[in-house]
Amino acid sequence: MGTGGASIRQPGHAYAELVGGPLDGQFLDVTGWSAQQLLDGALLICETGMYGPGGRSDYAGRAGAAGRLYWQGDAP
């Protein structure tokens, strides 16, 4: 994953689509994540977010929206 790189999905892995924000349309490998971890989401390093290189984009799940993590905003 990432700018200029191929997004390769591995057989047997689970992925969540990132919706909104600077990583919109990319997929995150969430293999082994619990239901609670999927709802909590993750802060992902993102060079194209509000805080530039080294900044983070916050993505979290929503009840009833399996397979997607939604952008919550950016953090330094």
C-alpha atoms as a PDB file:
ATOM      1  CA  MET A   1       0.000   0.000   0.000  1.00  0.00           C
ATOM      2  CA  GLY A   2       1.087   3.565  -0.479  1.00  0.00           C
ATOM      3  CA  THR A   3       1.682   6.112  -3.160  1.00  0.00           C
ATOM      4  CA  GLY A   4       3.171   4.547  -6.260  1.00  0.00           C
ATOM      5  CA  GLY A   5       3.075   1.041  -4.798  1.00  0.00           C
ATOM      6  CA  ALA A   6       0.876  -1.835  -5.750  1.00  0.00           C
ATOM      7  CA  SER A   7      -1.855  -2.818  -3.332  1.00  0.00           C
ATOM      8  CA  ILE A   8      -1.536  -6.592  -3.255  1.00  0.00           C
ATOM      9  CA  ARG A   9      -4.127  -8.624  -1.393  1.00  0.00           C
ATOM     10  CA  GLN A  10      -2.937 -11.860   0.133  1.00  0.00           C
ATOM     11  CA  PRO A  11      -5.196 -14.915   0.013  1.00  0.00           C
ATOM     12  CA  GLY A  12      -6.656 -15.755   3.403  1.00  0.00           C
ATOM     13  CA  HIS A  13      -6.268 -12.203   4.729  1.00  0.00           C
ATOM     14  CA  ALA A  14      -9.076  -9.844   5.738  1.00  0.00           C
ATOM     15  CA  TYR A  15      -9.090  -6.250   4.478  1.00  0.00           C
ATOM     16  CA  ALA A  16     -11.005  -3.096   5.337  1.00  0.00           C
ATOM     17  CA  GLU A  17     -11.562  -0.331   2.807  1.00  0.00           C
ATOM     18  CA  LEU A  18     -10.553   3.123   4.032  1.00  0.00           C
ATOM     19  CA  VAL A  19     -13.374   5.592   3.374  1.00  0.00           C
ATOM     20  CA  GLY A  20     -12.823   9.349   3.185  1.00  0.00           C
ATOM     21  CA  GLY A  21      -9.783  11.412   4.079  1.00  0.00           C
ATOM     22  CA  PRO A  22      -6.348  11.217   2.494  1.00  0.00           C
ATOM     23  CA  LEU A  23      -6.267   7.397   2.299  1.00  0.00           C
ATOM     24  CA  ASP A  24      -9.704   7.057   0.678  1.00  0.00           C
ATOM     25  CA  GLY A  25     -10.054   3.929  -1.437  1.00  0.00           C
ATOM     26  CA  GLN A  26      -7.021   2.124  -0.049  1.00  0.00           C
ATOM     27  CA  PHE A  27      -7.254  -1.180   1.801  1.00  0.00           C
ATOM     28  CA  LEU A  28      -5.805  -2.029   5.209  1.00  0.00           C
ATOM     29  CA  ASP A  29      -4.914  -5.595   6.193  1.00  0.00           C
ATOM     30  CA  VAL A  30      -6.987  -6.264   9.321  1.00  0.00           C
ATOM     31  CA  THR A  31      -6.299  -9.981   9.579  1.00  0.00           C
ATOM     32  CA  GLY A  32      -6.639 -11.090  13.185  1.00  0.00           C
ATOM     33  CA  TRP A  33      -8.358  -7.898  14.388  1.00  0.00           C
ATOM     34  CA  SER A  34     -11.174  -8.419  16.881  1.00  0.00           C
ATOM     35  CA  ALA A  35     -14.614  -6.849  16.389  1.00  0.00           C
ATOM     36  CA  GLN A  36     -13.702  -4.239  19.028  1.00  0.00           C
ATOM     37  CA  GLN A  37     -10.416  -3.409  17.299  1.00  0.00           C
ATOM     38  CA  LEU A  38     -12.281  -2.899  14.025  1.00  0.00           C
ATOM     39  CA  LEU A  39     -14.661  -0.455  15.722  1.00  0.00           C
ATOM     40  CA  ASP A  40     -11.781   1.345  17.491  1.00  0.00           C
ATOM     41  CA  GLY A  41      -9.793   1.581  14.251  1.00  0.00           C
ATOM     42  CA  ALA A  42      -6.257   2.887  13.946  1.00  0.00           C
ATOM     43  CA  LEU A  43      -4.083   5.955  13.564  1.00  0.00           C
ATOM     44  CA  LEU A  44      -2.277   5.428  10.264  1.00  0.00           C
ATOM     45  CA  ILE A  45       0.893   7.244   9.213  1.00  0.00           C
ATOM     46  CA  CYS A  46      -0.058   9.493   6.312  1.00  0.00           C
ATOM     47  CA  GLU A  47       2.179  11.933   4.463  1.00  0.00           C
ATOM     48  CA  THR A  48      -0.696  13.592   2.616  1.00  0.00           C
ATOM     49  CA  GLY A  49      -2.864  14.462   5.622  1.00  0.00           C
ATOM     50  CA  MET A  50      -3.284  17.825   7.334  1.00  0.00           C
ATOM     51  CA  TYR A  51       0.002  17.463   9.253  1.00  0.00           C
ATOM     52  CA  GLY A  52       2.160  16.329   6.324  1.00  0.00           C
ATOM     53  CA  PRO A  53       4.969  13.786   6.665  1.00  0.00           C
ATOM     54  CA  GLY A  54       4.842  12.020  10.024  1.00  0.00           C
ATOM     55  CA  GLY A  55       1.201  12.940  10.623  1.00  0.00           C
ATOM     56  CA  ARG A  56      -1.522  10.398  11.279  1.00  0.00           C
ATOM     57  CA  SER A  57      -4.983   9.835   9.867  1.00  0.00           C
ATOM     58  CA  ASP A  58      -7.561   8.360  12.222  1.00  0.00           C
ATOM     59  CA  TYR A  59      -9.827   5.672  10.762  1.00  0.00           C
ATOM     60  CA  ALA A  60     -12.489   3.805  12.758  1.00  0.00           C
ATOM     61  CA  GLY A  61     -15.262   1.328  12.096  1.00  0.00           C
ATOM     62  CA  ARG A  62     -19.001   1.801  12.419  1.00  0.00           C
ATOM     63  CA  ALA A  63     -21.547  -0.691  13.701  1.00  0.00           C
ATOM     64  CA  GLY A  64     -23.227  -2.408  10.760  1.00  0.00           C
ATOM     65  CA  ALA A  65     -20.560  -1.326   8.248  1.00  0.00           C
ATOM     66  CA  ALA A  66     -18.323  -4.391   8.078  1.00  0.00           C
ATOM     67  CA  GLY A  67     -15.283  -4.183   5.843  1.00  0.00           C
ATOM     68  CA  ARG A  68     -14.900  -0.401   6.055  1.00  0.00           C
ATOM     69  CA  LEU A  69     -13.015   2.038   8.259  1.00  0.00           C
ATOM     70  CA  TYR A  70     -14.140   5.667   8.126  1.00  0.00           C
ATOM     71  CA  TRP A  71     -11.933   8.733   8.376  1.00  0.00           C
ATOM     72  CA  GLN A  72     -12.316  10.593  11.671  1.00  0.00           C
ATOM     73  CA  GLY A  73      -9.712  13.303  11.101  1.00  0.00           C
ATOM     74  CA  ASP A  74      -5.951  13.865  11.235  1.00  0.00           C
ATOM     75  CA  ALA A  75      -3.529  14.109  14.154  1.00  0.00           C
ATOM     76  CA  PRO A  76       0.082  15.342  14.431  1.00  0.00           C
END
